[in-house]
PDB file of N, CA and C in Angstrom:
ATOM      1  N   MET A   1      98.278 140.933  29.933  1.00  0.00           N
ATOM      2  CA  MET A   1      98.044 139.431  30.139  1.00  0.00           C
ATOM      3  C   MET A   1      99.101 138.942  31.105  1.00  0.00           C
ATOM      4  N   TYR A   2      98.656 137.917  31.859  1.00  0.00           N
ATOM      5  CA  TYR A   2      99.575 137.249  32.829  1.00  0.00           C
ATOM      6  C   TYR A   2      99.796 135.799  32.471  1.00  0.00           C
ATOM      7  N   LEU A   3     100.960 135.258  32.980  1.00  0.00           N
ATOM      8  CA  LEU A   3     101.310 133.912  32.840  1.00  0.00           C
ATOM      9  C   LEU A   3     101.428 133.268  34.270  1.00  0.00           C
ATOM     10  N   HIS A   4     100.597 132.196  34.416  1.00  0.00           N
ATOM     11  CA  HIS A   4     100.735 131.488  35.725  1.00  0.00           C
ATOM     12  C   HIS A   4     101.887 130.541  35.700  1.00  0.00           C
ATOM     13  N   LEU A   5     102.754 130.695  36.730  1.00  0.00           N
ATOM     14  CA  LEU A   5     104.048 129.843  36.736  1.00  0.00           C
ATOM     15  C   LEU A   5     103.941 128.597  37.730  1.00  0.00           C
ATOM     16  N   GLY A   6     102.847 128.605  38.491  1.00  0.00           N
ATOM     17  CA  GLY A   6     102.792 127.508  39.574  1.00  0.00           C
ATOM     18  C   GLY A   6     102.496 128.163  40.862  1.00  0.00           C
ATOM     19  N   GLN A   7     101.975 127.386  41.809  1.00  0.00           N
ATOM     20  CA  GLN A   7     101.626 127.828  43.061  1.00  0.00           C
ATOM     21  C   GLN A   7     100.719 129.125  42.936  1.00  0.00           C
ATOM     22  N   ASP A   8     101.041 130.051  43.654  1.00  0.00           N
ATOM     23  CA  ASP A   8     100.280 131.443  43.531  1.00  0.00           C
ATOM     24  C   ASP A   8     101.075 132.501  42.761  1.00  0.00           C
ATOM     25  N   THR A   9     101.862 132.069  41.850  1.00  0.00           N
ATOM     26  CA  THR A   9     102.765 133.017  41.189  1.00  0.00           C
ATOM     27  C   THR A   9     102.350 133.208  39.694  1.00  0.00           C
ATOM     28  N   VAL A  10     102.215 134.552  39.391  1.00  0.00           N
ATOM     29  CA  VAL A  10     101.896 134.951  38.057  1.00  0.00           C
ATOM     30  C   VAL A  10     102.844 136.110  37.697  1.00  0.00           C
ATOM     31  N   VAL A  11     103.238 136.228  36.417  1.00  0.00           N
ATOM     32  CA  VAL A  11     104.007 137.346  35.961  1.00  0.00           C
ATOM     33  C   VAL A  11     103.381 137.993  34.775  1.00  0.00           C
ATOM     34  N   ARG A  12     103.675 139.233  34.481  1.00  0.00           N
ATOM     35  CA  ARG A  12     103.178 139.938  33.282  1.00  0.00           C
ATOM     36  C   ARG A  12     103.926 139.337  32.112  1.00  0.00           C
ATOM     37  N   GLN A  13     103.085 138.976  31.100  1.00  0.00           N
ATOM     38  CA  GLN A  13     103.776 138.483  29.851  1.00  0.00           C
ATOM     39  C   GLN A  13     104.767 139.549  29.280  1.00  0.00           C
ATOM     40  N   SER A  14     104.401 140.738  29.439  1.00  0.00           N
ATOM     41  CA  SER A  14     105.274 141.812  28.881  1.00  0.00           C
ATOM     42  C   SER A  14     106.673 141.859  29.629  1.00  0.00           C
ATOM     43  N   ASP A  15     106.707 141.290  30.769  1.00  0.00           N
ATOM     44  CA  ASP A  15     107.961 141.274  31.616  1.00  0.00           C
ATOM     45  C   ASP A  15     108.849 140.131  31.250  1.00  0.00           C
ATOM     46  N   ILE A  16     108.320 139.088  30.496  1.00  0.00           N
ATOM     47  CA  ILE A  16     109.142 137.952  30.253  1.00  0.00           C
ATOM     48  C   ILE A  16     110.172 138.160  29.209  1.00  0.00           C
ATOM     49  N   ILE A  17     111.496 137.813  29.531  1.00  0.00           N
ATOM     50  CA  ILE A  17     112.585 137.882  28.686  1.00  0.00           C
ATOM     51  C   ILE A  17     112.686 136.512  27.951  1.00  0.00           C
ATOM     52  N   GLY A  18     112.495 135.445  28.615  1.00  0.00           N
ATOM     53  CA  GLY A  18     112.664 134.196  28.033  1.00  0.00           C
ATOM     54  C   GLY A  18     112.198 133.067  28.943  1.00  0.00           C
ATOM     55  N   ILE A  19     111.801 131.913  28.274  1.00  0.00           N
ATOM     56  CA  ILE A  19     111.279 130.683  28.968  1.00  0.00           C
ATOM     57  C   ILE A  19     112.253 129.682  28.466  1.00  0.00           C
ATOM     58  N   PHE A  20     112.829 128.955  29.431  1.00  0.00           N
ATOM     59  CA  PHE A  20     113.874 127.963  29.151  1.00  0.00           C
ATOM     60  C   PHE A  20     113.719 126.559  29.771  1.00  0.00           C
ATOM     61  N   ASP A  21     114.025 125.534  29.079  1.00  0.00           N
ATOM     62  CA  ASP A  21     113.926 124.219  29.549  1.00  0.00           C
ATOM     63  C   ASP A  21     115.155 124.018  30.463  1.00  0.00           C
ATOM     64  N   LEU A  22     114.884 123.647  31.726  1.00  0.00           N
ATOM     65  CA  LEU A  22     116.026 123.548  32.704  1.00  0.00           C
ATOM     66  C   LEU A  22     116.981 122.419  32.255  1.00  0.00           C
ATOM     67  N   GLU A  23     116.534 121.309  31.829  1.00  0.00           N
ATOM     68  CA  GLU A  23     117.401 120.145  31.535  1.00  0.00           C
ATOM     69  C   GLU A  23     118.331 120.497  30.403  1.00  0.00           C
ATOM     70  N   SER A  24     117.714 120.989  29.293  1.00  0.00           N
ATOM     71  CA  SER A  24     118.585 121.071  28.114  1.00  0.00           C
ATOM     72  C   SER A  24     119.435 122.372  28.145  1.00  0.00           C
ATOM     73  N   THR A  25     119.058 123.390  28.900  1.00  0.00           N
ATOM     74  CA  THR A  25     119.930 124.586  28.949  1.00  0.00           C
ATOM     75  C   THR A  25     121.035 124.546  29.980  1.00  0.00           C
ATOM     76  N   THR A  26     120.874 123.771  30.992  1.00  0.00           N
ATOM     77  CA  THR A  26     121.918 123.737  32.077  1.00  0.00           C
ATOM     78  C   THR A  26     123.036 122.827  31.671  1.00  0.00           C
ATOM     79  N   VAL A  27     123.129 122.300  30.566  1.00  0.00           N
ATOM     80  CA  VAL A  27     124.303 121.577  30.080  1.00  0.00           C
ATOM     81  C   VAL A  27     125.352 122.568  29.623  1.00  0.00           C
ATOM     82  N   VAL A  28     124.964 123.805  29.377  1.00  0.00           N
ATOM     83  CA  VAL A  28     125.917 124.851  28.945  1.00  0.00           C
ATOM     84  C   VAL A  28     126.411 125.455  30.210  1.00  0.00           C
ATOM     85  N   ALA A  29     127.703 125.631  30.325  1.00  0.00           N
ATOM     86  CA  ALA A  29     128.316 126.273  31.449  1.00  0.00           C
ATOM     87  C   ALA A  29     127.882 127.716  31.658  1.00  0.00           C
ATOM     88  N   LYS A  30     127.712 128.452  30.680  1.00  0.00           N
ATOM     89  CA  LYS A  30     127.263 129.877  30.776  1.00  0.00           C
ATOM     90  C   LYS A  30     125.948 129.949  31.435  1.00  0.00           C
ATOM     91  N   THR A  31     125.030 129.033  31.135  1.00  0.00           N
ATOM     92  CA  THR A  31     123.656 129.031  31.740  1.00  0.00           C
ATOM     93  C   THR A  31     123.776 128.657  33.216  1.00  0.00           C
ATOM     94  N   ARG A  32     124.564 127.730  33.591  1.00  0.00           N
ATOM     95  CA  ARG A  32     124.751 127.312  34.946  1.00  0.00           C
ATOM     96  C   ARG A  32     125.389 128.572  35.779  1.00  0.00           C
ATOM     97  N   GLU A  33     126.335 129.214  35.126  1.00  0.00           N
ATOM     98  CA  GLU A  33     126.985 130.352  35.741  1.00  0.00           C
ATOM     99  C   GLU A  33     125.946 131.491  35.983  1.00  0.00           C
ATOM    100  N   TYR A  34     125.123 131.704  34.989  1.00  0.00           N
ATOM    101  CA  TYR A  34     124.083 132.734  35.150  1.00  0.00           C
ATOM    102  C   TYR A  34     123.118 132.460  36.187  1.00  0.00           C
ATOM    103  N   LEU A  35     122.631 131.235  36.347  1.00  0.00           N
ATOM    104  CA  LEU A  35     121.726 130.799  37.348  1.00  0.00           C
ATOM    105  C   LEU A  35     122.372 130.833  38.765  1.00  0.00           C
ATOM    106  N   LYS A  36     123.662 130.480  38.832  1.00  0.00           N
ATOM    107  CA  LYS A  36     124.382 130.554  40.124  1.00  0.00           C
ATOM    108  C   LYS A  36     124.489 131.982  40.571  1.00  0.00           C
ATOM    109  N   LYS A  37     124.796 132.878  39.630  1.00  0.00           N
ATOM    110  CA  LYS A  37     125.011 134.337  40.019  1.00  0.00           C
ATOM    111  C   LYS A  37     123.642 134.914  40.396  1.00  0.00           C
ATOM    112  N   ALA A  38     122.546 134.518  39.717  1.00  0.00           N
ATOM    113  CA  ALA A  38     121.197 134.996  40.050  1.00  0.00           C
ATOM    114  C   ALA A  38     120.849 134.532  41.435  1.00  0.00           C
ATOM    115  N   GLU A  39     121.134 133.352  41.765  1.00  0.00           N
ATOM    116  CA  GLU A  39     120.895 132.889  43.145  1.00  0.00           C
ATOM    117  C   GLU A  39     121.659 133.500  44.232  1.00  0.00           C
ATOM    118  N   GLN A  40     122.939 133.781  43.951  1.00  0.00           N
ATOM    119  CA  GLN A  40     123.775 134.548  44.840  1.00  0.00           C
ATOM    120  C   GLN A  40     123.288 135.937  45.133  1.00  0.00           C
ATOM    121  N   ASN A  41     122.736 136.595  44.061  1.00  0.00           N
ATOM    122  CA  ASN A  41     122.112 137.911  44.163  1.00  0.00           C
ATOM    123  C   ASN A  41     120.675 137.901  44.687  1.00  0.00           C
ATOM    124  N   LYS A  42     120.188 136.637  45.111  1.00  0.00           N
ATOM    125  CA  LYS A  42     118.804 136.574  45.590  1.00  0.00           C
ATOM    126  C   LYS A  42     117.791 136.945  44.574  1.00  0.00           C
ATOM    127  N   ASP A  43     118.058 136.635  43.276  1.00  0.00           N
ATOM    128  CA  ASP A  43     117.158 136.950  42.227  1.00  0.00           C
ATOM    129  C   ASP A  43     116.384 135.707  41.675  1.00  0.00           C
ATOM    130  N   VAL A  44     116.470 134.658  42.445  1.00  0.00           N
ATOM    131  CA  VAL A  44     115.822 133.404  42.050  1.00  0.00           C
ATOM    132  C   VAL A  44     114.618 133.149  43.005  1.00  0.00           C
ATOM    133  N   VAL A  45     113.462 132.813  42.401  1.00  0.00           N
ATOM    134  CA  VAL A  45     112.290 132.553  43.095  1.00  0.00           C
ATOM    135  C   VAL A  45     111.858 131.240  42.646  1.00  0.00           C
ATOM    136  N   ASN A  46     111.744 130.283  43.637  1.00  0.00           N
ATOM    137  CA  ASN A  46     111.316 128.958  43.360  1.00  0.00           C
ATOM    138  C   ASN A  46     109.938 128.821  43.618  1.00  0.00           C
ATOM    139  N   VAL A  47     109.011 128.597  42.622  1.00  0.00           N
ATOM    140  CA  VAL A  47     107.601 128.609  42.797  1.00  0.00           C
ATOM    141  C   VAL A  47     107.021 127.218  42.981  1.00  0.00           C
ATOM    142  N   SER A  48     107.844 126.256  43.352  1.00  0.00           N
ATOM    143  CA  SER A  48     107.325 124.912  43.419  1.00  0.00           C
ATOM    144  C   SER A  48     108.241 124.041  44.433  1.00  0.00           C
ATOM    145  N   PHE A  49     107.495 123.159  44.989  1.00  0.00           N
ATOM    146  CA  PHE A  49     108.204 122.219  45.916  1.00  0.00           C
ATOM    147  C   PHE A  49     108.433 120.935  45.017  1.00  0.00           C
ATOM    148  N   ASP A  50     108.028 120.853  43.798  1.00  0.00           N
ATOM    149  CA  ASP A  50     108.247 119.647  42.973  1.00  0.00           C
ATOM    150  C   ASP A  50     109.464 119.782  42.177  1.00  0.00           C
ATOM    151  N   LEU A  51     109.746 118.758  41.421  1.00  0.00           N
ATOM    152  CA  LEU A  51     111.020 118.795  40.561  1.00  0.00           C
ATOM    153  C   LEU A  51     110.923 119.876  39.541  1.00  0.00           C
ATOM    154  N   PRO A  52     111.917 120.767  39.514  1.00  0.00           N
ATOM    155  CA  PRO A  52     111.816 121.890  38.519  1.00  0.00           C
ATOM    156  C   PRO A  52     111.986 121.428  37.075  1.00  0.00           C
ATOM    157  N   ALA A  53     111.289 122.012  36.130  1.00  0.00           N
ATOM    158  CA  ALA A  53     111.253 121.705  34.737  1.00  0.00           C
ATOM    159  C   ALA A  53     111.785 122.720  33.873  1.00  0.00           C
ATOM    160  N   SER A  54     111.584 124.039  34.330  1.00  0.00           N
ATOM    161  CA  SER A  54     111.966 125.098  33.513  1.00  0.00           C
ATOM    162  C   SER A  54     112.271 126.390  34.338  1.00  0.00           C
ATOM    163  N   PHE A  55     112.802 127.364  33.692  1.00  0.00           N
ATOM    164  CA  PHE A  55     112.965 128.602  34.399  1.00  0.00           C
ATOM    165  C   PHE A  55     112.559 129.714  33.481  1.00  0.00           C
ATOM    166  N   VAL A  56     112.062 130.779  34.056  1.00  0.00           N
ATOM    167  CA  VAL A  56     111.524 132.013  33.321  1.00  0.00           C
ATOM    168  C   VAL A  56     112.282 133.249  33.800  1.00  0.00           C
ATOM    169  N   VAL A  57     112.897 133.904  32.927  1.00  0.00           N
ATOM    170  CA  VAL A  57     113.538 135.091  33.225  1.00  0.00           C
ATOM    171  C   VAL A  57     112.639 136.378  32.970  1.00  0.00           C
ATOM    172  N   CYS A  58     112.582 137.191  33.913  1.00  0.00           N
ATOM    173  CA  CYS A  58     111.581 138.342  33.804  1.00  0.00           C
ATOM    174  C   CYS A  58     112.375 139.676  34.253  1.00  0.00           C
ATOM    175  N   ALA A  59     111.941 140.798  33.709  1.00  0.00           N
ATOM    176  CA  ALA A  59     112.352 142.024  34.148  1.00  0.00           C
ATOM    177  C   ALA A  59     111.255 143.013  33.852  1.00  0.00           C
ATOM    178  N   ALA A  60     110.839 143.798  34.880  1.00  0.00           N
ATOM    179  CA  ALA A  60     109.764 144.728  34.784  1.00  0.00           C
ATOM    180  C   ALA A  60     110.186 145.828  33.695  1.00  0.00           C
ATOM    181  N   GLN A  61     109.218 146.276  32.974  1.00  0.00           N
ATOM    182  CA  GLN A  61     109.514 147.205  31.906  1.00  0.00           C
ATOM    183  C   GLN A  61     110.294 148.361  32.424  1.00  0.00           C
ATOM    184  N   GLY A  62     111.401 148.728  31.696  1.00  0.00           N
ATOM    185  CA  GLY A  62     112.163 149.849  32.086  1.00  0.00           C
ATOM    186  C   GLY A  62     113.239 149.583  33.177  1.00  0.00           C
ATOM    187  N   GLU A  63     113.302 148.397  33.734  1.00  0.00           N
ATOM    188  CA  GLU A  63     114.170 148.071  34.814  1.00  0.00           C
ATOM    189  C   GLU A  63     115.245 147.054  34.262  1.00  0.00           C
ATOM    190  N   LYS A  64     116.419 147.167  34.816  1.00  0.00           N
ATOM    191  CA  LYS A  64     117.544 146.208  34.464  1.00  0.00           C
ATOM    192  C   LYS A  64     117.524 144.938  35.365  1.00  0.00           C
ATOM    193  N   LYS A  65     117.022 145.151  36.568  1.00  0.00           N
ATOM    194  CA  LYS A  65     117.059 143.946  37.509  1.00  0.00           C
ATOM    195  C   LYS A  65     116.162 142.845  37.011  1.00  0.00           C
ATOM    196  N   GLN A  66     116.728 141.607  36.909  1.00  0.00           N
ATOM    197  CA  GLN A  66     116.020 140.517  36.514  1.00  0.00           C
ATOM    198  C   GLN A  66     115.658 139.562  37.623  1.00  0.00           C
ATOM    199  N   LYS A  67     114.528 138.862  37.409  1.00  0.00           N
ATOM    200  CA  LYS A  67     114.125 137.684  38.368  1.00  0.00           C
ATOM    201  C   LYS A  67     114.077 136.488  37.600  1.00  0.00           C
ATOM    202  N   VAL A  68     114.528 135.392  38.235  1.00  0.00           N
ATOM    203  CA  VAL A  68     114.516 134.124  37.623  1.00  0.00           C
ATOM    204  C   VAL A  68     113.460 133.204  38.421  1.00  0.00           C
ATOM    205  N   TYR A  69     112.475 132.771  37.785  1.00  0.00           N
ATOM    206  CA  TYR A  69     111.506 131.924  38.385  1.00  0.00           C
ATOM    207  C   TYR A  69     111.755 130.473  37.994  1.00  0.00           C
ATOM    208  N   ILE A  70     111.856 129.578  38.945  1.00  0.00           N
ATOM    209  CA  ILE A  70     112.122 128.178  38.751  1.00  0.00           C
ATOM    210  C   ILE A  70     110.711 127.459  38.891  1.00  0.00           C
ATOM    211  N   THR A  71     110.236 126.799  37.913  1.00  0.00           N
ATOM    212  CA  THR A  71     108.901 126.286  37.936  1.00  0.00           C
ATOM    213  C   THR A  71     108.784 124.811  37.496  1.00  0.00           C
ATOM    214  N   PRO A  72     107.836 124.134  38.022  1.00  0.00           N
ATOM    215  CA  PRO A  72     107.723 122.630  37.630  1.00  0.00           C
ATOM    216  C   PRO A  72     106.986 122.454  36.237  1.00  0.00           C
ATOM    217  N   ILE A  73     106.497 123.572  35.760  1.00  0.00           N
ATOM    218  CA  ILE A  73     105.712 123.471  34.465  1.00  0.00           C
ATOM    219  C   ILE A  73     106.754 123.510  33.370  1.00  0.00           C
ATOM    220  N   SER A  74     106.570 122.672  32.382  1.00  0.00           N
ATOM    221  CA  SER A  74     107.494 122.567  31.282  1.00  0.00           C
ATOM    222  C   SER A  74     107.531 123.789  30.407  1.00  0.00           C
ATOM    223  N   ALA A  75     108.733 124.106  29.881  1.00  0.00           N
ATOM    224  CA  ALA A  75     108.902 125.279  29.026  1.00  0.00           C
ATOM    225  C   ALA A  75     107.948 125.315  27.892  1.00  0.00           C
ATOM    226  N   GLN A  76     107.657 124.123  27.301  1.00  0.00           N
ATOM    227  CA  GLN A  76     106.723 123.982  26.160  1.00  0.00           C
ATOM    228  C   GLN A  76     105.344 124.314  26.620  1.00  0.00           C
ATOM    229  N   THR A  77     104.881 123.927  27.766  1.00  0.00           N
ATOM    230  CA  THR A  77     103.522 124.222  28.225  1.00  0.00           C
ATOM    231  C   THR A  77     103.411 125.676  28.495  1.00  0.00           C
ATOM    232  N   LEU A  78     104.472 126.303  29.056  1.00  0.00           N
ATOM    233  CA  LEU A  78     104.345 127.726  29.423  1.00  0.00           C
ATOM    234  C   LEU A  78     104.240 128.514  28.113  1.00  0.00           C
ATOM    235  N   ARG A  79     105.157 128.111  27.061  1.00  0.00           N
ATOM    236  CA  ARG A  79     105.076 128.820  25.733  1.00  0.00           C
ATOM    237  C   ARG A  79     103.686 128.730  25.066  1.00  0.00           C
ATOM    238  N   LYS A  80     103.082 127.541  25.191  1.00  0.00           N
ATOM    239  CA  LYS A  80     101.734 127.353  24.623  1.00  0.00           C
ATOM    240  C   LYS A  80     100.717 128.224  25.388  1.00  0.00           C
ATOM    241  N   ARG A  81     100.867 128.386  26.645  1.00  0.00           N
ATOM    242  CA  ARG A  81      99.935 129.223  27.355  1.00  0.00           C
ATOM    243  C   ARG A  81     100.031 130.715  26.973  1.00  0.00           C
ATOM    244  N   VAL A  82     101.373 131.155  26.678  1.00  0.00           N
ATOM    245  CA  VAL A  82     101.530 132.483  26.324  1.00  0.00           C
ATOM    246  C   VAL A  82     100.914 132.719  24.879  1.00  0.00           C
ATOM    247  N   GLU A  83     101.166 131.698  24.015  1.00  0.00           N
ATOM    248  CA  GLU A  83     100.608 131.812  22.670  1.00  0.00           C
ATOM    249  C   GLU A  83      99.108 131.827  22.539  1.00  0.00           C
ATOM    250  N   SER A  84      98.494 131.005  23.458  1.00  0.00           N
ATOM    251  CA  SER A  84      97.038 130.890  23.399  1.00  0.00           C
ATOM    252  C   SER A  84      96.295 131.853  24.252  1.00  0.00           C
ATOM    253  N   GLY A  85      97.036 132.574  25.094  1.00  0.00           N
ATOM    254  CA  GLY A  85      96.430 133.467  26.062  1.00  0.00           C
ATOM    255  C   GLY A  85      95.683 132.804  27.210  1.00  0.00           C
ATOM    256  N   PHE A  86      96.155 131.532  27.497  1.00  0.00           N
ATOM    257  CA  PHE A  86      95.527 130.690  28.532  1.00  0.00           C
ATOM    258  C   PHE A  86      95.612 131.345  29.915  1.00  0.00           C
ATOM    259  N   LEU A  87      94.530 131.263  30.602  1.00  0.00           N
ATOM    260  CA  LEU A  87      94.508 131.699  32.019  1.00  0.00           C
ATOM    261  C   LEU A  87      93.897 130.576  32.813  1.00  0.00           C
ATOM    262  N   PRO A  88      94.411 130.244  33.948  1.00  0.00           N
ATOM    263  CA  PRO A  88      93.788 129.261  34.817  1.00  0.00           C
ATOM    264  C   PRO A  88      92.355 129.684  35.202  1.00  0.00           C
ATOM    265  N   THR A  89      91.498 128.751  35.396  1.00  0.00           N
ATOM    266  CA  THR A  89      89.959 129.059  35.694  1.00  0.00           C
ATOM    267  C   THR A  89      89.869 130.127  36.724  1.00  0.00           C
ATOM    268  N   GLU A  90      90.605 130.106  37.854  1.00  0.00           N
ATOM    269  CA  GLU A  90      90.415 130.986  38.943  1.00  0.00           C
ATOM    270  C   GLU A  90      90.865 132.432  38.585  1.00  0.00           C
ATOM    271  N   GLU A  91      91.536 132.657  37.484  1.00  0.00           N
ATOM    272  CA  GLU A  91      91.975 133.918  37.066  1.00  0.00           C
ATOM    273  C   GLU A  91      91.133 134.503  35.970  1.00  0.00           C
ATOM    274  N   ARG A  92      90.230 133.855  35.418  1.00  0.00           N
ATOM    275  CA  ARG A  92      89.398 134.341  34.346  1.00  0.00           C
ATOM    276  C   ARG A  92      88.395 135.269  34.812  1.00  0.00           C
TER     277      ARG A  92
END
């Protein structure tokens, strides 16, 4: 199963490590540090030109390298999509 993150970006649900609300998690210094390091390592993918709402951390099965996807879709909406198996109309 795949999760649509915005624009033309989808990720395998099995690759998702976590879905995080950008506003509430970036108040913690360690989260800001993690995101800064990921950006320096070119592991951040911005999937929107809109105001970001959440980020999704992914790693392909069996790999240690992580990708961080910045998305305008709220963490709550993304979690609901995962739980319900929602796929956008064009992907069904």
